[in-house]
């Protein structure tokens, strides 16, 4: 449970920083990603998931 709370907290910190410091750039990024084909977005999501799982595994060893 401690690890889950830590992970959620870190995600919220990073997302909060992006929203606070670069709100206009975030709008551009969302529009750009929305124009990508569905399969590209899915592949990017799976890649991010794999990197995240690896980093959690690395941190726990």
PDB file of N, CA and C in Angstrom:
ATOM      1  N   UNK A   1       0.818  -1.181   0.000  1.00  0.00           N
ATOM      2  CA  UNK A   1       0.000   0.000   0.000  1.00  0.00           C
ATOM      3  C   UNK A   1       0.874   1.262   0.000  1.00  0.00           C
ATOM      4  N   UNK A   2       1.973   1.184   0.723  1.00  0.00           N
ATOM      5  CA  UNK A   2       2.896   2.329   0.793  1.00  0.00           C
ATOM      6  C   UNK A   2       3.453   2.652  -0.590  1.00  0.00           C
ATOM      7  N   UNK A   3       3.810   1.609  -1.340  1.00  0.00           N
ATOM      8  CA  UNK A   3       4.351   1.820  -2.681  1.00  0.00           C
ATOM      9  C   UNK A   3       3.296   2.408  -3.616  1.00  0.00           C
ATOM     10  N   UNK A   4       2.059   1.956  -3.509  1.00  0.00           N
ATOM     11  CA  UNK A   4       0.982   2.482  -4.350  1.00  0.00           C
ATOM     12  C   UNK A   4       0.747   3.959  -4.057  1.00  0.00           C
ATOM     13  N   UNK A   5       0.724   4.330  -2.795  1.00  0.00           N
ATOM     14  CA  UNK A   5       0.542   5.736  -2.434  1.00  0.00           C
ATOM     15  C   UNK A   5       1.710   6.592  -2.916  1.00  0.00           C
ATOM     16  N   UNK A   6       2.913   6.062  -2.806  1.00  0.00           N
ATOM     17  CA  UNK A   6       4.086   6.781  -3.305  1.00  0.00           C
ATOM     18  C   UNK A   6       3.982   7.002  -4.810  1.00  0.00           C
ATOM     19  N   UNK A   7       3.599   5.973  -5.533  1.00  0.00           N
ATOM     20  CA  UNK A   7       3.461   6.085  -6.978  1.00  0.00           C
ATOM     21  C   UNK A   7       2.402   7.091  -7.384  1.00  0.00           C
ATOM     22  N   UNK A   8       1.254   7.035  -6.748  1.00  0.00           N
ATOM     23  CA  UNK A   8       0.177   7.981  -7.057  1.00  0.00           C
ATOM     24  C   UNK A   8       0.610   9.408  -6.729  1.00  0.00           C
ATOM     25  N   UNK A   9       1.279   9.568  -5.607  1.00  0.00           N
ATOM     26  CA  UNK A   9       1.761  10.891  -5.216  1.00  0.00           C
ATOM     27  C   UNK A   9       2.750  11.456  -6.217  1.00  0.00           C
ATOM     28  N   UNK A  10       3.672  10.631  -6.683  1.00  0.00           N
ATOM     29  CA  UNK A  10       4.658  11.099  -7.660  1.00  0.00           C
ATOM     30  C   UNK A  10       4.000  11.477  -8.982  1.00  0.00           C
ATOM     31  N   UNK A  11       3.033  10.691  -9.427  1.00  0.00           N
ATOM     32  CA  UNK A  11       2.307  11.023 -10.658  1.00  0.00           C
ATOM     33  C   UNK A  11       1.598  12.357 -10.514  1.00  0.00           C
ATOM     34  N   UNK A  12       0.948  12.569  -9.384  1.00  0.00           N
ATOM     35  CA  UNK A  12       0.236  13.829  -9.168  1.00  0.00           C
ATOM     36  C   UNK A  12       1.189  15.020  -9.110  1.00  0.00           C
ATOM     37  N   UNK A  13       2.355  14.845  -8.529  1.00  0.00           N
ATOM     38  CA  UNK A  13       3.348  15.925  -8.493  1.00  0.00           C
ATOM     39  C   UNK A  13       3.788  16.289  -9.905  1.00  0.00           C
ATOM     40  N   UNK A  14       4.109  15.289 -10.713  1.00  0.00           N
ATOM     41  CA  UNK A  14       4.576  15.550 -12.073  1.00  0.00           C
ATOM     42  C   UNK A  14       3.468  16.175 -12.919  1.00  0.00           C
ATOM     43  N   UNK A  15       2.268  15.638 -12.832  1.00  0.00           N
ATOM     44  CA  UNK A  15       1.156  16.206 -13.598  1.00  0.00           C
ATOM     45  C   UNK A  15       0.833  17.621 -13.137  1.00  0.00           C
ATOM     46  N   UNK A  16       0.904  17.859 -11.842  1.00  0.00           N
ATOM     47  CA  UNK A  16       0.656  19.191 -11.321  1.00  0.00           C
ATOM     48  C   UNK A  16       1.681  20.193 -11.809  1.00  0.00           C
ATOM     49  N   UNK A  17       2.938  19.776 -11.878  1.00  0.00           N
ATOM     50  CA  UNK A  17       3.984  20.662 -12.391  1.00  0.00           C
ATOM     51  C   UNK A  17       3.737  21.023 -13.850  1.00  0.00           C
ATOM     52  N   UNK A  18       3.379  20.041 -14.651  1.00  0.00           N
ATOM     53  CA  UNK A  18       3.116  20.298 -16.066  1.00  0.00           C
ATOM     54  C   UNK A  18       1.943  21.257 -16.218  1.00  0.00           C
ATOM     55  N   UNK A  19       0.867  21.016 -15.491  1.00  0.00           N
ATOM     56  CA  UNK A  19      -0.308  21.880 -15.593  1.00  0.00           C
ATOM     57  C   UNK A  19      -0.020  23.294 -15.081  1.00  0.00           C
ATOM     58  N   UNK A  20       0.798  23.413 -14.055  1.00  0.00           N
ATOM     59  CA  UNK A  20       1.091  24.724 -13.482  1.00  0.00           C
ATOM     60  C   UNK A  20       2.095  25.510 -14.322  1.00  0.00           C
ATOM     61  N   UNK A  21       3.080  24.833 -14.887  1.00  0.00           N
ATOM     62  CA  UNK A  21       4.163  25.542 -15.563  1.00  0.00           C
ATOM     63  C   UNK A  21       3.982  25.661 -17.073  1.00  0.00           C
ATOM     64  N   UNK A  22       3.293  24.709 -17.699  1.00  0.00           N
ATOM     65  CA  UNK A  22       3.200  24.694 -19.157  1.00  0.00           C
ATOM     66  C   UNK A  22       1.780  24.428 -19.660  1.00  0.00           C
ATOM     67  N   UNK A  23       0.781  25.167 -19.215  1.00  0.00           N
ATOM     68  CA  UNK A  23      -0.593  24.844 -19.628  1.00  0.00           C
ATOM     69  C   UNK A  23      -0.833  25.000 -21.131  1.00  0.00           C
ATOM     70  N   UNK A  24      -0.251  26.003 -21.768  1.00  0.00           N
ATOM     71  CA  UNK A  24      -0.445  26.184 -23.210  1.00  0.00           C
ATOM     72  C   UNK A  24       0.223  25.066 -24.000  1.00  0.00           C
ATOM     73  N   UNK A  25       1.397  24.695 -23.584  1.00  0.00           N
ATOM     74  CA  UNK A  25       2.127  23.619 -24.264  1.00  0.00           C
ATOM     75  C   UNK A  25       1.375  22.296 -24.124  1.00  0.00           C
ATOM     76  N   UNK A  26       0.737  22.098 -22.984  1.00  0.00           N
ATOM     77  CA  UNK A  26      -0.034  20.881 -22.766  1.00  0.00           C
ATOM     78  C   UNK A  26      -1.200  20.795 -23.745  1.00  0.00           C
ATOM     79  N   UNK A  27      -1.870  21.926 -24.004  1.00  0.00           N
ATOM     80  CA  UNK A  27      -2.954  21.941 -24.988  1.00  0.00           C
ATOM     81  C   UNK A  27      -2.448  21.516 -26.357  1.00  0.00           C
ATOM     82  N   UNK A  28      -1.289  22.030 -26.751  1.00  0.00           N
ATOM     83  CA  UNK A  28      -0.701  21.656 -28.049  1.00  0.00           C
ATOM     84  C   UNK A  28      -0.365  20.169 -28.086  1.00  0.00           C
ATOM     85  N   UNK A  29       0.175  19.666 -26.992  1.00  0.00           N
ATOM     86  CA  UNK A  29       0.548  18.254 -26.929  1.00  0.00           C
ATOM     87  C   UNK A  29      -0.676  17.348 -27.037  1.00  0.00           C
ATOM     88  N   UNK A  30      -1.758  17.708 -26.357  1.00  0.00           N
ATOM     89  CA  UNK A  30      -2.980  16.907 -26.419  1.00  0.00           C
ATOM     90  C   UNK A  30      -3.538  16.897 -27.840  1.00  0.00           C
ATOM     91  N   UNK A  31      -3.529  18.053 -28.496  1.00  0.00           N
ATOM     92  CA  UNK A  31      -4.004  18.112 -29.883  1.00  0.00           C
ATOM     93  C   UNK A  31      -3.130  17.256 -30.806  1.00  0.00           C
ATOM     94  N   UNK A  32      -1.817  17.307 -30.599  1.00  0.00           N
ATOM     95  CA  UNK A  32      -0.905  16.523 -31.431  1.00  0.00           C
ATOM     96  C   UNK A  32      -1.137  15.024 -31.233  1.00  0.00           C
ATOM     97  N   UNK A  33      -1.277  14.604 -29.986  1.00  0.00           N
ATOM     98  CA  UNK A  33      -1.490  13.180 -29.706  1.00  0.00           C
ATOM     99  C   UNK A  33      -2.838  12.722 -30.263  1.00  0.00           C
ATOM    100  N   UNK A  34      -3.847  13.571 -30.191  1.00  0.00           N
ATOM    101  CA  UNK A  34      -5.169  13.215 -30.715  1.00  0.00           C
ATOM    102  C   UNK A  34      -5.136  12.973 -32.222  1.00  0.00           C
ATOM    103  N   UNK A  35      -4.174  13.566 -32.906  1.00  0.00           N
ATOM    104  CA  UNK A  35      -4.089  13.386 -34.355  1.00  0.00           C
ATOM    105  C   UNK A  35      -3.364  12.088 -34.741  1.00  0.00           C
ATOM    106  N   UNK A  36      -2.716  11.429 -33.789  1.00  0.00           N
ATOM    107  CA  UNK A  36      -2.020  10.169 -34.066  1.00  0.00           C
ATOM    108  C   UNK A  36      -3.039   9.058 -34.305  1.00  0.00           C
ATOM    109  N   UNK A  37      -2.675   8.076 -35.119  1.00  0.00           N
ATOM    110  CA  UNK A  37      -3.553   6.909 -35.291  1.00  0.00           C
ATOM    111  C   UNK A  37      -3.720   6.150 -33.965  1.00  0.00           C
ATOM    112  N   UNK A  38      -4.835   5.462 -33.847  1.00  0.00           N
ATOM    113  CA  UNK A  38      -5.151   4.733 -32.626  1.00  0.00           C
ATOM    114  C   UNK A  38      -4.056   3.739 -32.252  1.00  0.00           C
ATOM    115  N   UNK A  39      -3.543   3.021 -33.213  1.00  0.00           N
ATOM    116  CA  UNK A  39      -2.520   2.014 -32.927  1.00  0.00           C
ATOM    117  C   UNK A  39      -1.235   2.653 -32.402  1.00  0.00           C
ATOM    118  N   UNK A  40      -0.900   3.837 -32.886  1.00  0.00           N
ATOM    119  CA  UNK A  40       0.291   4.533 -32.395  1.00  0.00           C
ATOM    120  C   UNK A  40       0.101   4.944 -30.945  1.00  0.00           C
ATOM    121  N   UNK A  41      -1.084   5.471 -30.629  1.00  0.00           N
ATOM    122  CA  UNK A  41      -1.371   5.845 -29.241  1.00  0.00           C
ATOM    123  C   UNK A  41      -1.336   4.623 -28.336  1.00  0.00           C
ATOM    124  N   UNK A  42      -1.889   3.518 -28.817  1.00  0.00           N
ATOM    125  CA  UNK A  42      -1.882   2.290 -28.018  1.00  0.00           C
ATOM    126  C   UNK A  42      -0.452   1.802 -27.793  1.00  0.00           C
ATOM    127  N   UNK A  43       0.374   1.843 -28.823  1.00  0.00           N
ATOM    128  CA  UNK A  43       1.769   1.407 -28.693  1.00  0.00           C
ATOM    129  C   UNK A  43       2.534   2.299 -27.714  1.00  0.00           C
ATOM    130  N   UNK A  44       2.291   3.595 -27.764  1.00  0.00           N
ATOM    131  CA  UNK A  44       2.949   4.511 -26.824  1.00  0.00           C
ATOM    132  C   UNK A  44       2.497   4.225 -25.393  1.00  0.00           C
ATOM    133  N   UNK A  45       1.219   3.953 -25.213  1.00  0.00           N
ATOM    134  CA  UNK A  45       0.708   3.622 -23.888  1.00  0.00           C
ATOM    135  C   UNK A  45       1.310   2.332 -23.354  1.00  0.00           C
ATOM    136  N   UNK A  46       1.406   1.328 -24.208  1.00  0.00           N
ATOM    137  CA  UNK A  46       2.005   0.056 -23.780  1.00  0.00           C
ATOM    138  C   UNK A  46       3.496   0.223 -23.486  1.00  0.00           C
ATOM    139  N   UNK A  47       4.164   1.047 -24.280  1.00  0.00           N
ATOM    140  CA  UNK A  47       5.577   1.323 -24.023  1.00  0.00           C
ATOM    141  C   UNK A  47       5.773   2.031 -22.690  1.00  0.00           C
ATOM    142  N   UNK A  48       4.932   3.021 -22.402  1.00  0.00           N
ATOM    143  CA  UNK A  48       5.015   3.728 -21.122  1.00  0.00           C
ATOM    144  C   UNK A  48       4.713   2.776 -19.962  1.00  0.00           C
ATOM    145  N   UNK A  49       3.744   1.901 -20.158  1.00  0.00           N
ATOM    146  CA  UNK A  49       3.415   0.913 -19.137  1.00  0.00           C
ATOM    147  C   UNK A  49       4.608   0.004 -18.862  1.00  0.00           C
ATOM    148  N   UNK A  50       5.249  -0.479 -19.916  1.00  0.00           N
ATOM    149  CA  UNK A  50       6.401  -1.371 -19.757  1.00  0.00           C
ATOM    150  C   UNK A  50       7.553  -0.658 -19.040  1.00  0.00           C
ATOM    151  N   UNK A  51       7.825   0.581 -19.422  1.00  0.00           N
ATOM    152  CA  UNK A  51       8.898   1.335 -18.761  1.00  0.00           C
ATOM    153  C   UNK A  51       8.553   1.562 -17.293  1.00  0.00           C
ATOM    154  N   UNK A  52       7.301   1.885 -17.008  1.00  0.00           N
ATOM    155  CA  UNK A  52       6.882   2.091 -15.627  1.00  0.00           C
ATOM    156  C   UNK A  52       7.025   0.841 -14.781  1.00  0.00           C
ATOM    157  N   UNK A  53       6.601  -0.291 -15.321  1.00  0.00           N
ATOM    158  CA  UNK A  53       6.742  -1.563 -14.589  1.00  0.00           C
ATOM    159  C   UNK A  53       8.211  -1.866 -14.353  1.00  0.00           C
ATOM    160  N   UNK A  54       9.042  -1.634 -15.347  1.00  0.00           N
ATOM    161  CA  UNK A  54      10.482  -1.872 -15.193  1.00  0.00           C
ATOM    162  C   UNK A  54      11.074  -0.978 -14.104  1.00  0.00           C
ATOM    163  N   UNK A  55      10.700   0.298 -14.099  1.00  0.00           N
ATOM    164  CA  UNK A  55      11.235   1.222 -13.093  1.00  0.00           C
ATOM    165  C   UNK A  55      10.787   0.842 -11.689  1.00  0.00           C
ATOM    166  N   UNK A  56       9.530   0.414 -11.544  1.00  0.00           N
ATOM    167  CA  UNK A  56       9.063  -0.037 -10.233  1.00  0.00           C
ATOM    168  C   UNK A  56       9.828  -1.277  -9.819  1.00  0.00           C
ATOM    169  N   UNK A  57      10.017  -2.202 -10.741  1.00  0.00           N
ATOM    170  CA  UNK A  57      10.784  -3.421 -10.432  1.00  0.00           C
ATOM    171  C   UNK A  57      12.217  -3.059 -10.038  1.00  0.00           C
ATOM    172  N   UNK A  58      12.824  -2.142 -10.775  1.00  0.00           N
ATOM    173  CA  UNK A  58      14.200  -1.727 -10.499  1.00  0.00           C
ATOM    174  C   UNK A  58      14.306  -1.079  -9.123  1.00  0.00           C
ATOM    175  N   UNK A  59      13.338  -0.252  -8.770  1.00  0.00           N
ATOM    176  CA  UNK A  59      13.354   0.431  -7.484  1.00  0.00           C
ATOM    177  C   UNK A  59      13.166  -0.541  -6.322  1.00  0.00           C
ATOM    178  N   UNK A  60      12.448  -1.611  -6.579  1.00  0.00           N
ATOM    179  CA  UNK A  60      12.163  -2.581  -5.504  1.00  0.00           C
ATOM    180  C   UNK A  60      13.273  -3.592  -5.307  1.00  0.00           C
ATOM    181  N   UNK A  61      14.246  -3.668  -6.199  1.00  0.00           N
ATOM    182  CA  UNK A  61      15.322  -4.655  -6.046  1.00  0.00           C
ATOM    183  C   UNK A  61      16.516  -4.069  -5.359  1.00  0.00           C
TER     184      UNK A  61
END
